[in-house]
Amino acid sequence: MAAALALPACQDPRLARLEAVQQQQAHELARLRQQLAEREEEVQQLETCVDDLESTVYADEDSAAYDEEPDRPSTTLL
């Protein structure tokens, strides 16, 4: 019977440690989720910039995007 009474006393520190670890992991997960949200926002901003640049390049018909390849000397072997 003494062992049964000692069991909860042993479990209390273990339970407290597990709860502390769980709380620490919850904070770390929240921090990582915040970082992910920030990175996703940065990616969205970069995608918008790329889209804007592509629109600018392809909207300008005089741009290099529409230039044909320059004439190159023939490289046929004799």
PDB file of N, CA and C in Angstrom:
ATOM      1  N   MET A   1       0.826  -1.188   0.000  1.00  0.00           N
ATOM      2  CA  MET A   1       0.000   0.000   0.000  1.00  0.00           C
ATOM      3  C   MET A   1       0.871   1.254   0.000  1.00  0.00           C
ATOM      4  N   ALA A   2       2.016   1.201   0.632  1.00  0.00           N
ATOM      5  CA  ALA A   2       2.926   2.346   0.652  1.00  0.00           C
ATOM      6  C   ALA A   2       3.417   2.659  -0.750  1.00  0.00           C
ATOM      7  N   ALA A   3       3.612   1.615  -1.571  1.00  0.00           N
ATOM      8  CA  ALA A   3       4.049   1.824  -2.953  1.00  0.00           C
ATOM      9  C   ALA A   3       2.970   2.546  -3.742  1.00  0.00           C
ATOM     10  N   ALA A   4       1.726   2.239  -3.479  1.00  0.00           N
ATOM     11  CA  ALA A   4       0.622   2.891  -4.177  1.00  0.00           C
ATOM     12  C   ALA A   4       0.555   4.371  -3.815  1.00  0.00           C
ATOM     13  N   LEU A   5       0.875   4.699  -2.586  1.00  0.00           N
ATOM     14  CA  LEU A   5       0.870   6.102  -2.176  1.00  0.00           C
ATOM     15  C   LEU A   5       2.076   6.847  -2.730  1.00  0.00           C
ATOM     16  N   ALA A   6       3.187   6.141  -2.914  1.00  0.00           N
ATOM     17  CA  ALA A   6       4.399   6.771  -3.437  1.00  0.00           C
ATOM     18  C   ALA A   6       4.302   7.026  -4.935  1.00  0.00           C
ATOM     19  N   LEU A   7       3.500   6.260  -5.624  1.00  0.00           N
ATOM     20  CA  LEU A   7       3.385   6.381  -7.075  1.00  0.00           C
ATOM     21  C   LEU A   7       2.938   7.774  -7.507  1.00  0.00           C
ATOM     22  N   PRO A   8       1.880   8.331  -6.943  1.00  0.00           N
ATOM     23  CA  PRO A   8       1.489   9.683  -7.361  1.00  0.00           C
ATOM     24  C   PRO A   8       2.571  10.722  -7.073  1.00  0.00           C
ATOM     25  N   ALA A   9       3.309  10.550  -6.007  1.00  0.00           N
ATOM     26  CA  ALA A   9       4.378  11.499  -5.684  1.00  0.00           C
ATOM     27  C   ALA A   9       5.470  11.444  -6.742  1.00  0.00           C
ATOM     28  N   CYS A  10       5.744  10.253  -7.277  1.00  0.00           N
ATOM     29  CA  CYS A  10       6.750  10.117  -8.330  1.00  0.00           C
ATOM     30  C   CYS A  10       6.231  10.686  -9.648  1.00  0.00           C
ATOM     31  N   GLN A  11       4.963  10.542  -9.877  1.00  0.00           N
ATOM     32  CA  GLN A  11       4.398  10.977 -11.145  1.00  0.00           C
ATOM     33  C   GLN A  11       4.254  12.496 -11.228  1.00  0.00           C
ATOM     34  N   ASP A  12       4.091  13.152 -10.118  1.00  0.00           N
ATOM     35  CA  ASP A  12       3.905  14.603 -10.136  1.00  0.00           C
ATOM     36  C   ASP A  12       5.076  15.328 -10.798  1.00  0.00           C
ATOM     37  N   PRO A  13       6.340  15.052 -10.437  1.00  0.00           N
ATOM     38  CA  PRO A  13       7.449  15.740 -11.108  1.00  0.00           C
ATOM     39  C   PRO A  13       7.540  15.368 -12.593  1.00  0.00           C
ATOM     40  N   ARG A  14       7.285  14.101 -12.904  1.00  0.00           N
ATOM     41  CA  ARG A  14       7.321  13.678 -14.307  1.00  0.00           C
ATOM     42  C   ARG A  14       6.230  14.379 -15.094  1.00  0.00           C
ATOM     43  N   LEU A  15       5.053  14.463 -14.516  1.00  0.00           N
ATOM     44  CA  LEU A  15       3.931  15.121 -15.174  1.00  0.00           C
ATOM     45  C   LEU A  15       4.232  16.611 -15.368  1.00  0.00           C
ATOM     46  N   ALA A  16       4.816  17.216 -14.360  1.00  0.00           N
ATOM     47  CA  ALA A  16       5.172  18.639 -14.457  1.00  0.00           C
ATOM     48  C   ALA A  16       6.205  18.854 -15.553  1.00  0.00           C
ATOM     49  N   ARG A  17       7.185  17.950 -15.651  1.00  0.00           N
ATOM     50  CA  ARG A  17       8.201  18.065 -16.718  1.00  0.00           C
ATOM     51  C   ARG A  17       7.565  17.904 -18.091  1.00  0.00           C
ATOM     52  N   LEU A  18       6.682  16.917 -18.213  1.00  0.00           N
ATOM     53  CA  LEU A  18       6.010  16.691 -19.496  1.00  0.00           C
ATOM     54  C   LEU A  18       5.157  17.898 -19.892  1.00  0.00           C
ATOM     55  N   GLU A  19       4.467  18.457 -18.921  1.00  0.00           N
ATOM     56  CA  GLU A  19       3.656  19.646 -19.196  1.00  0.00           C
ATOM     57  C   GLU A  19       4.538  20.824 -19.598  1.00  0.00           C
ATOM     58  N   ALA A  20       5.691  20.969 -18.951  1.00  0.00           N
ATOM     59  CA  ALA A  20       6.613  22.052 -19.294  1.00  0.00           C
ATOM     60  C   ALA A  20       7.155  21.859 -20.707  1.00  0.00           C
ATOM     61  N   VAL A  21       7.500  20.620 -21.044  1.00  0.00           N
ATOM     62  CA  VAL A  21       7.996  20.337 -22.396  1.00  0.00           C
ATOM     63  C   VAL A  21       6.901  20.607 -23.414  1.00  0.00           C
ATOM     64  N   GLN A  22       5.690  20.183 -23.096  1.00  0.00           N
ATOM     65  CA  GLN A  22       4.568  20.408 -24.010  1.00  0.00           C
ATOM     66  C   GLN A  22       4.331  21.910 -24.212  1.00  0.00           C
ATOM     67  N   GLN A  23       4.412  22.662 -23.142  1.00  0.00           N
ATOM     68  CA  GLN A  23       4.215  24.115 -23.245  1.00  0.00           C
ATOM     69  C   GLN A  23       5.332  24.745 -24.070  1.00  0.00           C
ATOM     70  N   GLN A  24       6.562  24.300 -23.862  1.00  0.00           N
ATOM     71  CA  GLN A  24       7.694  24.815 -24.636  1.00  0.00           C
ATOM     72  C   GLN A  24       7.516  24.488 -26.117  1.00  0.00           C
ATOM     73  N   GLN A  25       7.077  23.280 -26.411  1.00  0.00           N
ATOM     74  CA  GLN A  25       6.861  22.890 -27.804  1.00  0.00           C
ATOM     75  C   GLN A  25       5.721  23.681 -28.423  1.00  0.00           C
ATOM     76  N   ALA A  26       4.695  23.965 -27.650  1.00  0.00           N
ATOM     77  CA  ALA A  26       3.572  24.771 -28.153  1.00  0.00           C
ATOM     78  C   ALA A  26       4.044  26.175 -28.502  1.00  0.00           C
ATOM     79  N   HIS A  27       4.914  26.757 -27.670  1.00  0.00           N
ATOM     80  CA  HIS A  27       5.456  28.084 -27.963  1.00  0.00           C
ATOM     81  C   HIS A  27       6.332  28.053 -29.213  1.00  0.00           C
ATOM     82  N   GLU A  28       7.148  27.008 -29.326  1.00  0.00           N
ATOM     83  CA  GLU A  28       8.020  26.866 -30.494  1.00  0.00           C
ATOM     84  C   GLU A  28       7.186  26.695 -31.767  1.00  0.00           C
ATOM     85  N   LEU A  29       6.133  25.911 -31.674  1.00  0.00           N
ATOM     86  CA  LEU A  29       5.255  25.714 -32.827  1.00  0.00           C
ATOM     87  C   LEU A  29       4.579  27.026 -33.220  1.00  0.00           C
ATOM     88  N   ALA A  30       4.149  27.789 -32.263  1.00  0.00           N
ATOM     89  CA  ALA A  30       3.536  29.090 -32.556  1.00  0.00           C
ATOM     90  C   ALA A  30       4.550  30.019 -33.223  1.00  0.00           C
ATOM     91  N   ARG A  31       5.784  30.002 -32.744  1.00  0.00           N
ATOM     92  CA  ARG A  31       6.836  30.835 -33.341  1.00  0.00           C
ATOM     93  C   ARG A  31       7.106  30.406 -34.777  1.00  0.00           C
ATOM     94  N   LEU A  32       7.184  29.097 -35.007  1.00  0.00           N
ATOM     95  CA  LEU A  32       7.432  28.593 -36.356  1.00  0.00           C
ATOM     96  C   LEU A  32       6.271  28.906 -37.296  1.00  0.00           C
ATOM     97  N   ARG A  33       5.062  28.828 -36.782  1.00  0.00           N
ATOM     98  CA  ARG A  33       3.893  29.176 -37.614  1.00  0.00           C
ATOM     99  C   ARG A  33       3.930  30.652 -37.993  1.00  0.00           C
ATOM    100  N   GLN A  34       4.344  31.502 -37.069  1.00  0.00           N
ATOM    101  CA  GLN A  34       4.460  32.932 -37.356  1.00  0.00           C
ATOM    102  C   GLN A  34       5.528  33.171 -38.423  1.00  0.00           C
ATOM    103  N   GLN A  35       6.676  32.491 -38.284  1.00  0.00           N
ATOM    104  CA  GLN A  35       7.732  32.628 -39.291  1.00  0.00           C
ATOM    105  C   GLN A  35       7.250  32.154 -40.656  1.00  0.00           C
ATOM    106  N   LEU A  36       6.505  31.059 -40.675  1.00  0.00           N
ATOM    107  CA  LEU A  36       5.979  30.543 -41.938  1.00  0.00           C
ATOM    108  C   LEU A  36       5.023  31.547 -42.565  1.00  0.00           C
ATOM    109  N   ALA A  37       4.173  32.139 -41.767  1.00  0.00           N
ATOM    110  CA  ALA A  37       3.236  33.144 -42.286  1.00  0.00           C
ATOM    111  C   ALA A  37       3.993  34.339 -42.864  1.00  0.00           C
ATOM    112  N   GLU A  38       5.058  34.754 -42.184  1.00  0.00           N
ATOM    113  CA  GLU A  38       5.862  35.866 -42.690  1.00  0.00           C
ATOM    114  C   GLU A  38       6.542  35.502 -44.011  1.00  0.00           C
ATOM    115  N   ARG A  39       7.066  34.283 -44.096  1.00  0.00           N
ATOM    116  CA  ARG A  39       7.731  33.836 -45.338  1.00  0.00           C
ATOM    117  C   ARG A  39       6.731  33.723 -46.476  1.00  0.00           C
ATOM    118  N   GLU A  40       5.521  33.230 -46.170  1.00  0.00           N
ATOM    119  CA  GLU A  40       4.490  33.121 -47.198  1.00  0.00           C
ATOM    120  C   GLU A  40       4.107  34.503 -47.713  1.00  0.00           C
ATOM    121  N   GLU A  41       4.071  35.479 -46.826  1.00  0.00           N
ATOM    122  CA  GLU A  41       3.773  36.854 -47.239  1.00  0.00           C
ATOM    123  C   GLU A  41       4.890  37.391 -48.133  1.00  0.00           C
ATOM    124  N   GLU A  42       6.147  37.104 -47.766  1.00  0.00           N
ATOM    125  CA  GLU A  42       7.283  37.534 -48.589  1.00  0.00           C
ATOM    126  C   GLU A  42       7.226  36.892 -49.976  1.00  0.00           C
ATOM    127  N   VAL A  43       6.891  35.601 -50.013  1.00  0.00           N
ATOM    128  CA  VAL A  43       6.786  34.900 -51.298  1.00  0.00           C
ATOM    129  C   VAL A  43       5.685  35.530 -52.146  1.00  0.00           C
ATOM    130  N   GLN A  44       4.563  35.841 -51.535  1.00  0.00           N
ATOM    131  CA  GLN A  44       3.459  36.457 -52.269  1.00  0.00           C
ATOM    132  C   GLN A  44       3.886  37.808 -52.834  1.00  0.00           C
ATOM    133  N   GLN A  45       4.620  38.587 -52.056  1.00  0.00           N
ATOM    134  CA  GLN A  45       5.093  39.881 -52.538  1.00  0.00           C
ATOM    135  C   GLN A  45       6.067  39.705 -53.700  1.00  0.00           C
ATOM    136  N   LEU A  46       6.957  38.726 -53.605  1.00  0.00           N
ATOM    137  CA  LEU A  46       7.903  38.467 -54.688  1.00  0.00           C
ATOM    138  C   LEU A  46       7.183  37.989 -55.943  1.00  0.00           C
ATOM    139  N   GLU A  47       6.172  37.135 -55.783  1.00  0.00           N
ATOM    140  CA  GLU A  47       5.398  36.678 -56.935  1.00  0.00           C
ATOM    141  C   GLU A  47       4.699  37.850 -57.619  1.00  0.00           C
ATOM    142  N   THR A  48       4.192  38.769 -56.824  1.00  0.00           N
ATOM    143  CA  THR A  48       3.548  39.955 -57.391  1.00  0.00           C
ATOM    144  C   THR A  48       4.560  40.796 -58.163  1.00  0.00           C
ATOM    145  N   CYS A  49       5.760  40.947 -57.607  1.00  0.00           N
ATOM    146  CA  CYS A  49       6.806  41.706 -58.301  1.00  0.00           C
ATOM    147  C   CYS A  49       7.180  41.034 -59.616  1.00  0.00           C
ATOM    148  N   VAL A  50       7.313  39.725 -59.601  1.00  0.00           N
ATOM    149  CA  VAL A  50       7.654  38.992 -60.827  1.00  0.00           C
ATOM    150  C   VAL A  50       6.543  39.168 -61.851  1.00  0.00           C
ATOM    151  N   ASP A  51       5.304  39.039 -61.417  1.00  0.00           N
ATOM    152  CA  ASP A  51       4.181  39.223 -62.335  1.00  0.00           C
ATOM    153  C   ASP A  51       4.192  40.621 -62.936  1.00  0.00           C
ATOM    154  N   ASP A  52       4.456  41.623 -62.109  1.00  0.00           N
ATOM    155  CA  ASP A  52       4.517  43.004 -62.603  1.00  0.00           C
ATOM    156  C   ASP A  52       5.644  43.175 -63.611  1.00  0.00           C
ATOM    157  N   LEU A  53       6.809  42.608 -63.313  1.00  0.00           N
ATOM    158  CA  LEU A  53       7.941  42.709 -64.235  1.00  0.00           C
ATOM    159  C   LEU A  53       7.649  41.997 -65.550  1.00  0.00           C
ATOM    160  N   GLU A  54       7.051  40.816 -65.472  1.00  0.00           N
ATOM    161  CA  GLU A  54       6.701  40.097 -66.693  1.00  0.00           C
ATOM    162  C   GLU A  54       5.692  40.894 -67.514  1.00  0.00           C
ATOM    163  N   SER A  55       4.723  41.473 -66.857  1.00  0.00           N
ATOM    164  CA  SER A  55       3.725  42.274 -67.565  1.00  0.00           C
ATOM    165  C   SER A  55       4.383  43.455 -68.258  1.00  0.00           C
ATOM    166  N   THR A  56       5.323  44.087 -67.567  1.00  0.00           N
ATOM    167  CA  THR A  56       6.024  45.232 -68.143  1.00  0.00           C
ATOM    168  C   THR A  56       6.852  44.806 -69.343  1.00  0.00           C
ATOM    169  N   VAL A  57       7.560  43.705 -69.233  1.00  0.00           N
ATOM    170  CA  VAL A  57       8.416  43.240 -70.325  1.00  0.00           C
ATOM    171  C   VAL A  57       7.578  42.846 -71.529  1.00  0.00           C
ATOM    172  N   TYR A  58       6.534  42.067 -71.303  1.00  0.00           N
ATOM    173  CA  TYR A  58       5.754  41.565 -72.433  1.00  0.00           C
ATOM    174  C   TYR A  58       4.775  42.595 -72.977  1.00  0.00           C
ATOM    175  N   ALA A  59       4.471  43.613 -72.220  1.00  0.00           N
ATOM    176  CA  ALA A  59       3.601  44.674 -72.719  1.00  0.00           C
ATOM    177  C   ALA A  59       4.362  45.602 -73.659  1.00  0.00           C
ATOM    178  N   ASP A  60       5.673  45.656 -73.509  1.00  0.00           N
ATOM    179  CA  ASP A  60       6.519  46.520 -74.341  1.00  0.00           C
ATOM    180  C   ASP A  60       6.962  45.715 -75.556  1.00  0.00           C
ATOM    181  N   GLU A  61       6.292  45.927 -76.686  1.00  0.00           N
ATOM    182  CA  GLU A  61       6.595  45.142 -77.882  1.00  0.00           C
ATOM    183  C   GLU A  61       7.978  45.423 -78.435  1.00  0.00           C
ATOM    184  N   ASP A  62       8.586  46.500 -78.045  1.00  0.00           N
ATOM    185  CA  ASP A  62       9.942  46.808 -78.496  1.00  0.00           C
ATOM    186  C   ASP A  62      10.996  46.174 -77.589  1.00  0.00           C
ATOM    187  N   SER A  63      10.560  45.448 -76.583  1.00  0.00           N
ATOM    188  CA  SER A  63      11.522  44.889 -75.625  1.00  0.00           C
ATOM    189  C   SER A  63      12.302  43.746 -76.251  1.00  0.00           C
ATOM    190  N   ALA A  64      13.361  43.379 -75.596  1.00  0.00           N
ATOM    191  CA  ALA A  64      14.221  42.291 -76.060  1.00  0.00           C
ATOM    192  C   ALA A  64      13.487  40.959 -76.053  1.00  0.00           C
ATOM    193  N   ALA A  65      12.407  40.860 -75.328  1.00  0.00           N
ATOM    194  CA  ALA A  65      11.660  39.611 -75.278  1.00  0.00           C
ATOM    195  C   ALA A  65      11.095  39.256 -76.647  1.00  0.00           C
ATOM    196  N   TYR A  66      10.890  40.268 -77.489  1.00  0.00           N
ATOM    197  CA  TYR A  66      10.343  40.018 -78.818  1.00  0.00           C
ATOM    198  C   TYR A  66      11.415  39.984 -79.896  1.00  0.00           C
ATOM    199  N   ASP A  67      12.637  40.298 -79.543  1.00  0.00           N
ATOM    200  CA  ASP A  67      13.714  40.281 -80.531  1.00  0.00           C
ATOM    201  C   ASP A  67      13.992  38.854 -80.968  1.00  0.00           C
ATOM    202  N   GLU A  68      14.250  38.723 -82.262  1.00  0.00           N
ATOM    203  CA  GLU A  68      14.660  37.405 -82.744  1.00  0.00           C
ATOM    204  C   GLU A  68      16.140  37.246 -82.460  1.00  0.00           C
ATOM    205  N   GLU A  69      16.604  36.007 -82.560  1.00  0.00           N
ATOM    206  CA  GLU A  69      18.027  35.782 -82.318  1.00  0.00           C
ATOM    207  C   GLU A  69      18.833  36.561 -83.339  1.00  0.00           C
ATOM    208  N   PRO A  70      19.936  37.140 -82.909  1.00  0.00           N
ATOM    209  CA  PRO A  70      20.766  37.879 -83.854  1.00  0.00           C
ATOM    210  C   PRO A  70      21.368  36.918 -84.866  1.00  0.00           C
ATOM    211  N   ASP A  71      21.672  37.455 -86.056  1.00  0.00           N
ATOM    212  CA  ASP A  71      22.294  36.627 -87.091  1.00  0.00           C
ATOM    213  C   ASP A  71      23.666  36.203 -86.588  1.00  0.00           C
ATOM    214  N   ARG A  72      23.926  34.920 -86.768  1.00  0.00           N
ATOM    215  CA  ARG A  72      25.202  34.379 -86.348  1.00  0.00           C
ATOM    216  C   ARG A  72      25.880  33.766 -87.551  1.00  0.00           C
ATOM    217  N   PRO A  73      27.172  33.836 -87.597  1.00  0.00           N
ATOM    218  CA  PRO A  73      27.866  33.216 -88.729  1.00  0.00           C
ATOM    219  C   PRO A  73      27.633  31.707 -88.723  1.00  0.00           C
ATOM    220  N   SER A  74      27.610  31.160 -89.898  1.00  0.00           N
ATOM    221  CA  SER A  74      27.404  29.721 -90.036  1.00  0.00           C
ATOM    222  C   SER A  74      28.583  28.981 -89.419  1.00  0.00           C
ATOM    223  N   THR A  75      28.293  27.889 -88.771  1.00  0.00           N
ATOM    224  CA  THR A  75      29.358  27.120 -88.122  1.00  0.00           C
ATOM    225  C   THR A  75      29.498  25.754 -88.785  1.00  0.00           C
ATOM    226  N   THR A  76      29.169  25.679 -90.077  1.00  0.00           N
ATOM    227  CA  THR A  76      29.293  24.395 -90.761  1.00  0.00           C
ATOM    228  C   THR A  76      30.744  24.019 -90.900  1.00  0.00           C
ATOM    229  N   LEU A  77      31.013  22.771 -90.714  1.00  0.00           N
ATOM    230  CA  LEU A  77      32.374  22.264 -90.823  1.00  0.00           C
ATOM    231  C   LEU A  77      32.645  21.865 -92.258  1.00  0.00           C
ATOM    232  N   LEU A  78      33.871  22.092 -92.712  1.00  0.00           N
ATOM    233  CA  LEU A  78      34.249  21.717 -94.079  1.00  0.00           C
ATOM    234  C   LEU A  78      34.794  20.342 -94.138  1.00  0.00           C
TER     235      LEU A  78
END
